[in-house]
Amino acid sequence: MSRRSGLERSPRRERGVALLVAILLVALATVIAASLAYHNAMTARRTIGAFDYDQALLVTEGTEAFAAYGLQQTFRAQPSLIDPQQPWAQPIGPISVSPGVTLEASLEDLQGRFNLNSVVGSDGSTVNTQQLQAFRELLTLVGLRPQWADDWVNWIDKSPTPAVADAPAASAYLEMDPPYHTPNLPVTSASELLALPNFGRARFERIAPYVTALPVGTALNTCTASPQVLDAYLGHVQFSADPRQFARDRASASGGCFPTLSEMETAMQNTLPSTPTGGNPNGTPPQSNAQQLFAEKSQWFRLTSVVRADGTEFVFYSVLYADSDGTVRTVLRSDTPN
């Protein structure tokens, strides 16, 4: 009797094993099919992304050419003046470039910002005390310690020893984790400030709107400079005391420029030694050599291009340089602003 029962159960066991094998095969096929579908979808997505990026880059290159043409027209019309009332300063867009692709673009005069490379002379080792003092004042105006300016001098000057007292020596950076060298030469990006010990992103965000990295000796354009940068050279709060009034004065300037070079020179001559913002040594007013520090024209501009393609946004930042003859070319393109 028991032998007959064993024979009857054997086919059942076989059917159970077969069912289990079938389930495993279906599961394995499902996993393989899902994996293939995922990889195919990701490949298609990467292809679309690469196509959209290339399309956005081509639109940006066209925008650069358009911006260069606009600047050339401005230089021909007013070769000795660049001010925010001119057509180049007006933003464009959003406009439709092609089906599914839109563009927004704007130009900024980089010579309206404080040049970080200006704190050291053209020889790379002599400290420009007036520019250093202006940087200290600017840091103070945005709520940062003026001593960061001293650390910055040591970052870009050629000397391995601190050019300014109490600034960290170049060897101090080799003791950090990870260690790194100071460049000891002019920089091409304001984001190099983040390399200073403990400077950090929060401090950089405060100062970033007011600084740039341009060749040594590039003059500040008073017509486009922010009131904070202008006040940094004065050593006290004047233009930034009432930002709305400053904006009205600039918008209503008869010649398109406010303050003019002569107005800035007068403001520097009238600077009182009793009203420094925190960095003017011994309370002495800055020297009035406005002709060397300032200008009313510019050669360096930054183009911001925002391209939206099929729901994806691409932002490019292009640095444009205008030669003395008015020829404009792109010298740098990046996906970060600083």
C-alpha atoms as a PDB file:
ATOM      1  CA  MET A   1       0.000   0.000   0.000  1.00  0.00           C
ATOM      2  CA  SER A   2       2.769   2.401   0.913  1.00  0.00           C
ATOM      3  CA  ARG A   3       4.664   1.557  -2.263  1.00  0.00           C
ATOM      4  CA  ARG A   4       1.643   2.498  -4.393  1.00  0.00           C
ATOM      5  CA  SER A   5       1.337   5.852  -2.567  1.00  0.00           C
ATOM      6  CA  GLY A   6       4.940   6.684  -3.333  1.00  0.00           C
ATOM      7  CA  LEU A   7       4.388   6.023  -6.981  1.00  0.00           C
ATOM      8  CA  GLU A   8       1.364   8.305  -7.015  1.00  0.00           C
ATOM      9  CA  ARG A   9       3.257  11.188  -5.394  1.00  0.00           C
ATOM     10  CA  SER A  10       6.190  11.158  -7.779  1.00  0.00           C
ATOM     11  CA  PRO A  11       4.410  12.837 -10.744  1.00  0.00           C
ATOM     12  CA  ARG A  12       3.173  15.541  -8.413  1.00  0.00           C
ATOM     13  CA  ARG A  13       6.706  16.280  -7.312  1.00  0.00           C
ATOM     14  CA  GLU A  14       7.828  16.451 -10.906  1.00  0.00           C
ATOM     15  CA  ARG A  15       5.038  18.835 -11.794  1.00  0.00           C
ATOM     16  CA  GLY A  16       5.997  21.075  -8.806  1.00  0.00           C
ATOM     17  CA  VAL A  17       9.640  21.173  -9.869  1.00  0.00           C
ATOM     18  CA  ALA A  18       8.637  21.925 -13.455  1.00  0.00           C
ATOM     19  CA  LEU A  19       6.391  24.757 -12.290  1.00  0.00           C
ATOM     20  CA  LEU A  20       9.196  26.188 -10.149  1.00  0.00           C
ATOM     21  CA  VAL A  21      11.622  26.008 -13.055  1.00  0.00           C
ATOM     22  CA  ALA A  22       9.084  27.720 -15.298  1.00  0.00           C
ATOM     23  CA  ILE A  23       8.606  30.522 -12.755  1.00  0.00           C
ATOM     24  CA  LEU A  24      12.370  31.002 -12.476  1.00  0.00           C
ATOM     25  CA  LEU A  25      12.743  31.117 -16.253  1.00  0.00           C
ATOM     26  CA  VAL A  26       9.960  33.692 -16.563  1.00  0.00           C
ATOM     27  CA  ALA A  27      11.512  35.773 -13.785  1.00  0.00           C
ATOM     28  CA  LEU A  28      14.941  35.571 -15.423  1.00  0.00           C
ATOM     29  CA  ALA A  29      13.485  36.548 -18.800  1.00  0.00           C
ATOM     30  CA  THR A  30      11.651  39.445 -17.163  1.00  0.00           C
ATOM     31  CA  VAL A  31      14.868  40.694 -15.522  1.00  0.00           C
ATOM     32  CA  ILE A  32      16.773  40.439 -18.793  1.00  0.00           C
ATOM     33  CA  ALA A  33      14.000  42.190 -20.708  1.00  0.00           C
ATOM     34  CA  ALA A  34      13.775  44.959 -18.085  1.00  0.00           C
ATOM     35  CA  SER A  35      17.558  45.396 -18.147  1.00  0.00           C
ATOM     36  CA  LEU A  36      17.591  45.644 -21.935  1.00  0.00           C
ATOM     37  CA  ALA A  37      14.707  48.105 -21.906  1.00  0.00           C
ATOM     38  CA  TYR A  38      16.455  50.230 -19.250  1.00  0.00           C
ATOM     39  CA  HIS A  39      19.745  50.307 -21.111  1.00  0.00           C
ATOM     40  CA  ASN A  40      17.983  51.107 -24.370  1.00  0.00           C
ATOM     41  CA  ALA A  41      16.052  53.930 -22.684  1.00  0.00           C
ATOM     42  CA  MET A  42      19.228  55.317 -21.090  1.00  0.00           C
ATOM     43  CA  THR A  43      21.058  55.128 -24.410  1.00  0.00           C
ATOM     44  CA  ALA A  44      18.217  57.002 -26.082  1.00  0.00           C
ATOM     45  CA  ARG A  45      18.196  59.556 -23.264  1.00  0.00           C
ATOM     46  CA  ARG A  46      21.946  60.098 -23.518  1.00  0.00           C
ATOM     47  CA  THR A  47      21.616  60.537 -27.248  1.00  0.00           C
ATOM     48  CA  ILE A  48      18.842  63.091 -26.798  1.00  0.00           C
ATOM     49  CA  GLY A  49      20.865  64.857 -24.086  1.00  0.00           C
ATOM     50  CA  ALA A  50      23.951  64.998 -26.275  1.00  0.00           C
ATOM     51  CA  PHE A  51      21.871  66.305 -29.170  1.00  0.00           C
ATOM     52  CA  ASP A  52      20.238  68.959 -26.966  1.00  0.00           C
ATOM     53  CA  TYR A  53      23.639  70.007 -25.586  1.00  0.00           C
ATOM     54  CA  ASP A  54      25.145  70.313 -29.059  1.00  0.00           C
ATOM     55  CA  GLN A  55      22.096  72.291 -30.158  1.00  0.00           C
ATOM     56  CA  ALA A  56      22.384  74.607 -27.137  1.00  0.00           C
ATOM     57  CA  LEU A  57      26.117  75.082 -27.812  1.00  0.00           C
ATOM     58  CA  LEU A  58      25.426  76.044 -31.430  1.00  0.00           C
ATOM     59  CA  VAL A  59      22.778  78.535 -30.283  1.00  0.00           C
ATOM     60  CA  THR A  60      25.289  79.970 -27.799  1.00  0.00           C
ATOM     61  CA  GLU A  61      27.933  80.354 -30.482  1.00  0.00           C
ATOM     62  CA  GLY A  62      25.406  82.202 -32.610  1.00  0.00           C
ATOM     63  CA  THR A  63      24.539  84.403 -29.645  1.00  0.00           C
ATOM     64  CA  GLU A  64      28.223  85.206 -29.161  1.00  0.00           C
ATOM     65  CA  ALA A  65      28.461  86.293 -32.792  1.00  0.00           C
ATOM     66  CA  PHE A  66      25.348  88.425 -32.401  1.00  0.00           C
ATOM     67  CA  ALA A  67      26.706  90.011 -29.195  1.00  0.00           C
ATOM     68  CA  ALA A  68      30.040  90.703 -30.883  1.00  0.00           C
ATOM     69  CA  TYR A  69      28.253  92.421 -33.746  1.00  0.00           C
ATOM     70  CA  GLY A  70      26.236  94.552 -31.309  1.00  0.00           C
ATOM     71  CA  LEU A  71      29.349  95.592 -29.413  1.00  0.00           C
ATOM     72  CA  GLN A  72      31.143  96.465 -32.650  1.00  0.00           C
ATOM     73  CA  GLN A  73      28.251  98.698 -33.631  1.00  0.00           C
ATOM     74  CA  THR A  74      28.436 100.394 -30.222  1.00  0.00           C
ATOM     75  CA  PHE A  75      32.178 100.982 -30.565  1.00  0.00           C
ATOM     76  CA  ARG A  76      31.681 102.526 -33.994  1.00  0.00           C
ATOM     77  CA  ALA A  77      28.945 104.840 -32.732  1.00  0.00           C
ATOM     78  CA  GLN A  78      30.663 105.818 -29.439  1.00  0.00           C
ATOM     79  CA  PRO A  79      34.302 104.690 -29.472  1.00  0.00           C
ATOM     80  CA  SER A  80      35.183 106.384 -26.182  1.00  0.00           C
ATOM     81  CA  LEU A  81      32.186 105.416 -24.043  1.00  0.00           C
ATOM     82  CA  ILE A  82      30.577 102.241 -22.702  1.00  0.00           C
ATOM     83  CA  ASP A  83      27.569 102.843 -20.459  1.00  0.00           C
ATOM     84  CA  PRO A  84      24.486 100.857 -19.366  1.00  0.00           C
ATOM     85  CA  GLN A  85      22.093 102.964 -21.456  1.00  0.00           C
ATOM     86  CA  GLN A  86      23.550 101.661 -24.725  1.00  0.00           C
ATOM     87  CA  PRO A  87      21.809  98.853 -26.670  1.00  0.00           C
ATOM     88  CA  TRP A  88      24.381  96.197 -25.689  1.00  0.00           C
ATOM     89  CA  ALA A  89      23.172  96.379 -22.067  1.00  0.00           C
ATOM     90  CA  GLN A  90      19.582  95.435 -22.920  1.00  0.00           C
ATOM     91  CA  PRO A  91      18.766  91.743 -22.301  1.00  0.00           C
ATOM     92  CA  ILE A  92      17.271  89.603 -25.061  1.00  0.00           C
ATOM     93  CA  GLY A  93      14.433  87.107 -24.785  1.00  0.00           C
ATOM     94  CA  PRO A  94      13.037  84.769 -24.168  1.00  0.00           C
ATOM     95  CA  ILE A  95      12.812  84.278 -27.923  1.00  0.00           C
ATOM     96  CA  SER A  96      12.112  81.151 -29.959  1.00  0.00           C
ATOM     97  CA  VAL A  97      15.154  80.027 -31.938  1.00  0.00           C
ATOM     98  CA  SER A  98      13.615  76.885 -33.399  1.00  0.00           C
ATOM     99  CA  PRO A  99      10.716  74.582 -32.471  1.00  0.00           C
ATOM    100  CA  GLY A 100      11.235  73.601 -28.842  1.00  0.00           C
ATOM    101  CA  VAL A 101      14.300  75.821 -28.368  1.00  0.00           C
ATOM    102  CA  THR A 102      14.246  79.239 -26.656  1.00  0.00           C
ATOM    103  CA  LEU A 103      17.007  81.699 -25.801  1.00  0.00           C
ATOM    104  CA  GLU A 104      17.586  84.369 -23.170  1.00  0.00           C
ATOM    105  CA  ALA A 105      20.817  86.371 -23.229  1.00  0.00           C
ATOM    106  CA  SER A 106      22.397  89.328 -21.456  1.00  0.00           C
ATOM    107  CA  LEU A 107      25.736  91.140 -21.536  1.00  0.00           C
ATOM    108  CA  GLU A 108      27.628  92.434 -18.507  1.00  0.00           C
ATOM    109  CA  ASP A 109      30.593  94.779 -18.486  1.00  0.00           C
ATOM    110  CA  LEU A 110      33.268  92.925 -16.511  1.00  0.00           C
ATOM    111  CA  GLN A 111      35.201  96.165 -16.088  1.00  0.00           C
ATOM    112  CA  GLY A 112      32.399  97.303 -13.826  1.00  0.00           C
ATOM    113  CA  ARG A 113      33.755  94.871 -11.219  1.00  0.00           C
ATOM    114  CA  PHE A 114      36.845  94.993  -9.017  1.00  0.00           C
ATOM    115  CA  ASN A 115      39.760  93.261 -10.724  1.00  0.00           C
ATOM    116  CA  LEU A 116      41.291  90.755  -8.283  1.00  0.00           C
ATOM    117  CA  ASN A 117      44.585  90.724 -10.199  1.00  0.00           C
ATOM    118  CA  SER A 118      45.043  94.473  -9.713  1.00  0.00           C
ATOM    119  CA  VAL A 119      46.348  94.127  -6.130  1.00  0.00           C
ATOM    120  CA  VAL A 120      49.748  93.157  -7.555  1.00  0.00           C
ATOM    121  CA  GLY A 121      51.746  95.184 -10.074  1.00  0.00           C
ATOM    122  CA  SER A 122      52.654  94.108 -13.586  1.00  0.00           C
ATOM    123  CA  ASP A 123      55.972  92.699 -12.302  1.00  0.00           C
ATOM    124  CA  GLY A 124      54.021  90.161 -10.248  1.00  0.00           C
ATOM    125  CA  SER A 125      55.758  90.956  -6.974  1.00  0.00           C
ATOM    126  CA  THR A 126      55.096  94.622  -6.138  1.00  0.00           C
ATOM    127  CA  VAL A 127      51.942  95.147  -4.092  1.00  0.00           C
ATOM    128  CA  ASN A 128      49.619  97.825  -5.472  1.00  0.00           C
ATOM    129  CA  THR A 129      48.729  99.412  -2.144  1.00  0.00           C
ATOM    130  CA  GLN A 130      45.872 101.511  -3.490  1.00  0.00           C
ATOM    131  CA  GLN A 131      44.168  98.552  -5.165  1.00  0.00           C
ATOM    132  CA  LEU A 132      44.795  96.432  -2.077  1.00  0.00           C
ATOM    133  CA  GLN A 133      43.182  99.098   0.086  1.00  0.00           C
ATOM    134  CA  ALA A 134      40.173  99.229  -2.263  1.00  0.00           C
ATOM    135  CA  PHE A 135      39.798  95.451  -1.994  1.00  0.00           C
ATOM    136  CA  ARG A 136      39.925  95.672   1.792  1.00  0.00           C
ATOM    137  CA  GLU A 137      37.211  98.307   1.714  1.00  0.00           C
ATOM    138  CA  LEU A 138      35.066  96.232  -0.636  1.00  0.00           C
ATOM    139  CA  LEU A 139      35.327  93.208   1.649  1.00  0.00           C
ATOM    140  CA  THR A 140      34.293  95.373   4.573  1.00  0.00           C
ATOM    141  CA  LEU A 141      31.325  96.774   2.667  1.00  0.00           C
ATOM    142  CA  VAL A 142      29.968  93.273   2.006  1.00  0.00           C
ATOM    143  CA  GLY A 143      30.466  92.201   5.622  1.00  0.00           C
ATOM    144  CA  LEU A 144      33.743  90.278   5.363  1.00  0.00           C
ATOM    145  CA  ARG A 145      37.072  90.714   7.144  1.00  0.00           C
ATOM    146  CA  PRO A 146      39.444  93.005   5.221  1.00  0.00           C
ATOM    147  CA  GLN A 147      42.330  90.662   6.088  1.00  0.00           C
ATOM    148  CA  TRP A 148      41.151  88.326   3.338  1.00  0.00           C
ATOM    149  CA  ALA A 149      42.668  90.846   0.900  1.00  0.00           C
ATOM    150  CA  ASP A 150      46.089  90.289   2.449  1.00  0.00           C
ATOM    151  CA  ASP A 151      45.717  86.511   2.047  1.00  0.00           C
ATOM    152  CA  TRP A 152      44.756  87.071  -1.584  1.00  0.00           C
ATOM    153  CA  VAL A 153      47.904  89.087  -2.302  1.00  0.00           C
ATOM    154  CA  ASN A 154      50.003  86.175  -1.100  1.00  0.00           C
ATOM    155  CA  TRP A 155      47.988  83.848  -3.328  1.00  0.00           C
ATOM    156  CA  ILE A 156      48.910  85.600  -6.587  1.00  0.00           C
ATOM    157  CA  ASP A 157      52.208  87.419  -5.938  1.00  0.00           C
ATOM    158  CA  LYS A 158      55.471  85.795  -7.032  1.00  0.00           C
ATOM    159  CA  SER A 159      57.209  85.919  -3.665  1.00  0.00           C
ATOM    160  CA  PRO A 160      57.204  82.661  -1.626  1.00  0.00           C
ATOM    161  CA  THR A 161      57.157  84.747   1.561  1.00  0.00           C
ATOM    162  CA  PRO A 162      54.118  86.848   2.571  1.00  0.00           C
ATOM    163  CA  ALA A 163      54.139  90.204   0.792  1.00  0.00           C
ATOM    164  CA  VAL A 164      51.712  91.509   3.433  1.00  0.00           C
ATOM    165  CA  ALA A 165      52.253  91.069   7.157  1.00  0.00           C
ATOM    166  CA  ASP A 166      50.270  88.273   8.873  1.00  0.00           C
ATOM    167  CA  ALA A 167      49.230  86.682   5.566  1.00  0.00           C
ATOM    168  CA  PRO A 168      49.898  82.933   5.329  1.00  0.00           C
ATOM    169  CA  ALA A 169      53.096  81.937   3.564  1.00  0.00           C
ATOM    170  CA  ALA A 170      53.015  79.754   0.453  1.00  0.00           C
ATOM    171  CA  SER A 171      54.345  76.852   2.535  1.00  0.00           C
ATOM    172  CA  ALA A 172      51.208  77.016   4.709  1.00  0.00           C
ATOM    173  CA  TYR A 173      49.146  75.621   1.843  1.00  0.00           C
ATOM    174  CA  LEU A 174      51.452  72.589   1.608  1.00  0.00           C
ATOM    175  CA  GLU A 175      50.515  71.677   5.184  1.00  0.00           C
ATOM    176  CA  MET A 176      46.802  71.496   4.374  1.00  0.00           C
ATOM    177  CA  ASP A 177      44.838  68.315   3.694  1.00  0.00           C
ATOM    178  CA  PRO A 178      45.067  67.868   0.778  1.00  0.00           C
ATOM    179  CA  PRO A 179      48.138  70.050   0.203  1.00  0.00           C
ATOM    180  CA  TYR A 180      48.344  72.377  -2.795  1.00  0.00           C
ATOM    181  CA  HIS A 181      50.512  75.151  -4.192  1.00  0.00           C
ATOM    182  CA  THR A 182      49.708  78.823  -4.598  1.00  0.00           C
ATOM    183  CA  PRO A 183      49.688  79.881  -8.279  1.00  0.00           C
ATOM    184  CA  ASN A 184      51.906  82.931  -7.646  1.00  0.00           C
ATOM    185  CA  LEU A 185      50.618  84.580 -10.813  1.00  0.00           C
ATOM    186  CA  PRO A 186      47.459  86.358 -12.013  1.00  0.00           C
ATOM    187  CA  VAL A 187      44.367  84.151 -12.081  1.00  0.00           C
ATOM    188  CA  THR A 188      41.649  83.726 -14.708  1.00  0.00           C
ATOM    189  CA  SER A 189      38.715  83.041 -12.386  1.00  0.00           C
ATOM    190  CA  ALA A 190      37.349  84.809  -9.323  1.00  0.00           C
ATOM    191  CA  SER A 191      36.477  81.387  -7.877  1.00  0.00           C
ATOM    192  CA  GLU A 192      40.161  81.070  -6.908  1.00  0.00           C
ATOM    193  CA  LEU A 193      39.117  82.901  -3.749  1.00  0.00           C
ATOM    194  CA  LEU A 194      37.665  79.576  -2.588  1.00  0.00           C
ATOM    195  CA  ALA A 195      41.218  78.238  -2.332  1.00  0.00           C
ATOM    196  CA  LEU A 196      42.033  80.608   0.530  1.00  0.00           C
ATOM    197  CA  PRO A 197      42.049  78.750   3.858  1.00  0.00           C
ATOM    198  CA  ASN A 198      38.546  78.706   5.398  1.00  0.00           C
ATOM    199  CA  PHE A 199      37.166  81.251   2.931  1.00  0.00           C
ATOM    200  CA  GLY A 200      34.272  78.998   2.007  1.00  0.00           C
ATOM    201  CA  ARG A 201      31.267  79.168  -0.297  1.00  0.00           C
ATOM    202  CA  ALA A 202      29.179  81.481   1.922  1.00  0.00           C
ATOM    203  CA  ARG A 203      31.829  84.225   1.889  1.00  0.00           C
ATOM    204  CA  PHE A 204      32.404  83.779  -1.816  1.00  0.00           C
ATOM    205  CA  GLU A 205      28.705  84.278  -2.571  1.00  0.00           C
ATOM    206  CA  ARG A 206      28.882  87.657  -0.808  1.00  0.00           C
ATOM    207  CA  ILE A 207      31.817  89.002  -2.751  1.00  0.00           C
ATOM    208  CA  ALA A 208      31.272  87.231  -6.100  1.00  0.00           C
ATOM    209  CA  PRO A 209      28.903  89.840  -7.663  1.00  0.00           C
ATOM    210  CA  TYR A 210      31.541  92.552  -7.265  1.00  0.00           C
ATOM    211  CA  VAL A 211      34.806  90.906  -8.384  1.00  0.00           C
ATOM    212  CA  THR A 212      36.326  89.472 -11.531  1.00  0.00           C
ATOM    213  CA  ALA A 213      39.728  88.325 -12.810  1.00  0.00           C
ATOM    214  CA  LEU A 214      41.111  90.418 -15.671  1.00  0.00           C
ATOM    215  CA  PRO A 215      44.629  91.289 -16.851  1.00  0.00           C
ATOM    216  CA  VAL A 216      46.695  93.497 -14.571  1.00  0.00           C
ATOM    217  CA  GLY A 217      46.268  97.162 -15.410  1.00  0.00           C
ATOM    218  CA  THR A 218      42.676  96.894 -16.674  1.00  0.00           C
ATOM    219  CA  ALA A 219      40.828 100.059 -15.631  1.00  0.00           C
ATOM    220  CA  LEU A 220      37.504 100.126 -13.806  1.00  0.00           C
ATOM    221  CA  ASN A 221      34.651 101.581 -15.874  1.00  0.00           C
ATOM    222  CA  THR A 222      32.918 104.106 -13.618  1.00  0.00           C
ATOM    223  CA  CYS A 223      29.873 104.171 -15.914  1.00  0.00           C
ATOM    224  CA  THR A 224      29.017 100.522 -15.221  1.00  0.00           C
ATOM    225  CA  ALA A 225      30.605  99.891 -11.813  1.00  0.00           C
ATOM    226  CA  SER A 226      28.349  99.057  -8.889  1.00  0.00           C
ATOM    227  CA  PRO A 227      28.062 101.636  -6.090  1.00  0.00           C
ATOM    228  CA  GLN A 228      29.817  99.248  -3.686  1.00  0.00           C
ATOM    229  CA  VAL A 229      32.883  99.002  -5.919  1.00  0.00           C
ATOM    230  CA  LEU A 230      32.975 102.770  -6.371  1.00  0.00           C
ATOM    231  CA  ASP A 231      32.741 103.327  -2.624  1.00  0.00           C
ATOM    232  CA  ALA A 232      35.584 100.869  -2.101  1.00  0.00           C
ATOM    233  CA  TYR A 233      37.889 103.317  -3.879  1.00  0.00           C
ATOM    234  CA  LEU A 234      36.539 106.274  -1.934  1.00  0.00           C
ATOM    235  CA  GLY A 235      37.078 104.584   1.419  1.00  0.00           C
ATOM    236  CA  HIS A 236      33.622 105.502   2.720  1.00  0.00           C
ATOM    237  CA  VAL A 237      29.964 104.963   1.917  1.00  0.00           C
ATOM    238  CA  GLN A 238      28.688 107.467  -0.633  1.00  0.00           C
ATOM    239  CA  PHE A 239      27.200 105.927  -3.776  1.00  0.00           C
ATOM    240  CA  SER A 240      25.892 102.817  -2.002  1.00  0.00           C
ATOM    241  CA  ALA A 241      24.183 104.791   0.767  1.00  0.00           C
ATOM    242  CA  ASP A 242      20.977 104.986  -1.310  1.00  0.00           C
ATOM    243  CA  PRO A 243      20.984 102.334  -4.065  1.00  0.00           C
ATOM    244  CA  ARG A 244      17.661 103.545  -5.514  1.00  0.00           C
ATOM    245  CA  GLN A 245      18.904 107.101  -5.841  1.00  0.00           C
ATOM    246  CA  PHE A 246      22.109 105.815  -7.421  1.00  0.00           C
ATOM    247  CA  ALA A 247      20.049 103.860  -9.970  1.00  0.00           C
ATOM    248  CA  ARG A 248      17.965 106.970 -10.744  1.00  0.00           C
ATOM    249  CA  ASP A 249      21.075 109.114 -11.148  1.00  0.00           C
ATOM    250  CA  ARG A 250      22.601 106.582 -13.507  1.00  0.00           C
ATOM    251  CA  ALA A 251      19.399 106.199 -15.544  1.00  0.00           C
ATOM    252  CA  SER A 252      18.973 109.959 -15.899  1.00  0.00           C
ATOM    253  CA  ALA A 253      22.616 110.814 -16.647  1.00  0.00           C
ATOM    254  CA  SER A 254      22.619 113.158 -19.628  1.00  0.00           C
ATOM    255  CA  GLY A 255      25.768 111.724 -21.186  1.00  0.00           C
ATOM    256  CA  GLY A 256      24.807 108.153 -20.338  1.00  0.00           C
ATOM    257  CA  CYS A 257      27.579 107.799 -17.743  1.00  0.00           C
ATOM    258  CA  PHE A 258      27.338 108.170 -13.961  1.00  0.00           C
ATOM    259  CA  PRO A 259      29.606 108.858 -12.271  1.00  0.00           C
ATOM    260  CA  THR A 260      31.867 110.208 -14.985  1.00  0.00           C
ATOM    261  CA  LEU A 261      35.620 110.018 -14.701  1.00  0.00           C
ATOM    262  CA  SER A 262      35.799 113.643 -13.591  1.00  0.00           C
ATOM    263  CA  GLU A 263      33.010 113.124 -11.030  1.00  0.00           C
ATOM    264  CA  MET A 264      34.836 110.141  -9.577  1.00  0.00           C
ATOM    265  CA  GLU A 265      38.069 112.098  -9.418  1.00  0.00           C
ATOM    266  CA  THR A 266      36.273 114.919  -7.586  1.00  0.00           C
ATOM    267  CA  ALA A 267      34.727 112.423  -5.157  1.00  0.00           C
ATOM    268  CA  MET A 268      38.163 110.993  -4.388  1.00  0.00           C
ATOM    269  CA  GLN A 269      39.628 114.435  -3.800  1.00  0.00           C
ATOM    270  CA  ASN A 270      36.776 115.261  -1.431  1.00  0.00           C
ATOM    271  CA  THR A 271      37.200 112.058   0.589  1.00  0.00           C
ATOM    272  CA  LEU A 272      37.589 112.876   4.264  1.00  0.00           C
ATOM    273  CA  PRO A 273      40.099 110.983   6.417  1.00  0.00           C
ATOM    274  CA  SER A 274      37.560 110.713   9.253  1.00  0.00           C
ATOM    275  CA  THR A 275      35.113 108.431   7.443  1.00  0.00           C
ATOM    276  CA  PRO A 276      36.836 105.170   6.527  1.00  0.00           C
ATOM    277  CA  THR A 277      34.753 101.996   6.448  1.00  0.00           C
ATOM    278  CA  GLY A 278      37.262  99.922   8.292  1.00  0.00           C
ATOM    279  CA  GLY A 279      40.391  99.375   6.237  1.00  0.00           C
ATOM    280  CA  ASN A 280      41.962 102.742   5.499  1.00  0.00           C
ATOM    281  CA  PRO A 281      45.278 102.727   7.403  1.00  0.00           C
ATOM    282  CA  ASN A 282      45.788 105.719   9.688  1.00  0.00           C
ATOM    283  CA  GLY A 283      42.515 107.204   8.372  1.00  0.00           C
ATOM    284  CA  THR A 284      44.276 108.734   5.374  1.00  0.00           C
ATOM    285  CA  PRO A 285      42.236 109.419   2.235  1.00  0.00           C
ATOM    286  CA  PRO A 286      43.099 107.542  -0.967  1.00  0.00           C
ATOM    287  CA  GLN A 287      45.291 109.281  -3.494  1.00  0.00           C
ATOM    288  CA  SER A 288      43.406 110.810  -6.406  1.00  0.00           C
ATOM    289  CA  ASN A 289      44.945 109.215  -9.492  1.00  0.00           C
ATOM    290  CA  ALA A 290      41.632 108.548 -11.187  1.00  0.00           C
ATOM    291  CA  GLN A 291      43.153 108.696 -14.670  1.00  0.00           C
ATOM    292  CA  GLN A 292      45.159 105.549 -13.915  1.00  0.00           C
ATOM    293  CA  LEU A 293      42.440 103.661 -12.043  1.00  0.00           C
ATOM    294  CA  PHE A 294      39.288 104.450 -14.009  1.00  0.00           C
ATOM    295  CA  ALA A 295      37.945 104.812 -17.515  1.00  0.00           C
ATOM    296  CA  GLU A 296      34.630 105.353 -19.296  1.00  0.00           C
ATOM    297  CA  LYS A 297      35.069 102.560 -21.826  1.00  0.00           C
ATOM    298  CA  SER A 298      35.548  98.799 -21.608  1.00  0.00           C
ATOM    299  CA  GLN A 299      37.043  95.886 -23.502  1.00  0.00           C
ATOM    300  CA  TRP A 300      35.948  92.911 -21.397  1.00  0.00           C
ATOM    301  CA  PHE A 301      32.374  91.627 -21.307  1.00  0.00           C
ATOM    302  CA  ARG A 302      30.560  88.520 -20.142  1.00  0.00           C
ATOM    303  CA  LEU A 303      27.700  87.037 -22.120  1.00  0.00           C
ATOM    304  CA  THR A 304      25.178  84.852 -20.276  1.00  0.00           C
ATOM    305  CA  SER A 305      23.197  82.571 -22.593  1.00  0.00           C
ATOM    306  CA  VAL A 306      20.275  80.553 -21.230  1.00  0.00           C
ATOM    307  CA  VAL A 307      19.096  77.978 -23.780  1.00  0.00           C
ATOM    308  CA  ARG A 308      16.086  75.748 -23.140  1.00  0.00           C
ATOM    309  CA  ALA A 309      15.807  72.739 -25.445  1.00  0.00           C
ATOM    310  CA  ASP A 310      13.018  70.173 -25.038  1.00  0.00           C
ATOM    311  CA  GLY A 311      12.538  71.096 -21.390  1.00  0.00           C
ATOM    312  CA  THR A 312      16.259  70.994 -20.521  1.00  0.00           C
ATOM    313  CA  GLU A 313      18.024  74.236 -19.546  1.00  0.00           C
ATOM    314  CA  PHE A 314      21.628  74.955 -20.488  1.00  0.00           C
ATOM    315  CA  VAL A 315      23.502  78.036 -19.230  1.00  0.00           C
ATOM    316  CA  PHE A 316      26.766  79.178 -20.816  1.00  0.00           C
ATOM    317  CA  TYR A 317      28.999  82.079 -19.768  1.00  0.00           C
ATOM    318  CA  SER A 318      31.212  83.563 -22.480  1.00  0.00           C
ATOM    319  CA  VAL A 319      33.948  86.146 -21.958  1.00  0.00           C
ATOM    320  CA  LEU A 320      34.228  88.526 -24.915  1.00  0.00           C
ATOM    321  CA  TYR A 321      37.204  90.787 -25.572  1.00  0.00           C
ATOM    322  CA  ALA A 322      37.202  93.846 -27.815  1.00  0.00           C
ATOM    323  CA  ASP A 323      40.467  94.802 -29.499  1.00  0.00           C
ATOM    324  CA  SER A 324      41.527  98.414 -29.856  1.00  0.00           C
ATOM    325  CA  ASP A 325      40.140  98.417 -33.393  1.00  0.00           C
ATOM    326  CA  GLY A 326      36.724  97.242 -32.169  1.00  0.00           C
ATOM    327  CA  THR A 327      37.048  93.605 -33.237  1.00  0.00           C
ATOM    328  CA  VAL A 328      35.291  91.384 -30.689  1.00  0.00           C
ATOM    329  CA  ARG A 329      36.140  87.747 -30.098  1.00  0.00           C
ATOM    330  CA  THR A 330      35.289  85.033 -27.568  1.00  0.00           C
ATOM    331  CA  VAL A 331      38.225  84.186 -25.316  1.00  0.00           C
ATOM    332  CA  LEU A 332      36.525  81.886 -22.799  1.00  0.00           C
ATOM    333  CA  ARG A 333      33.351  79.825 -22.561  1.00  0.00           C
ATOM    334  CA  SER A 334      32.232  78.055 -19.403  1.00  0.00           C
ATOM    335  CA  ASP A 335      29.166  76.613 -17.688  1.00  0.00           C
ATOM    336  CA  THR A 336      30.017  78.379 -14.411  1.00  0.00           C
ATOM    337  CA  PRO A 337      29.763  82.148 -13.870  1.00  0.00           C
ATOM    338  CA  ASN A 338      33.052  82.691 -12.012  1.00  0.00           C
END
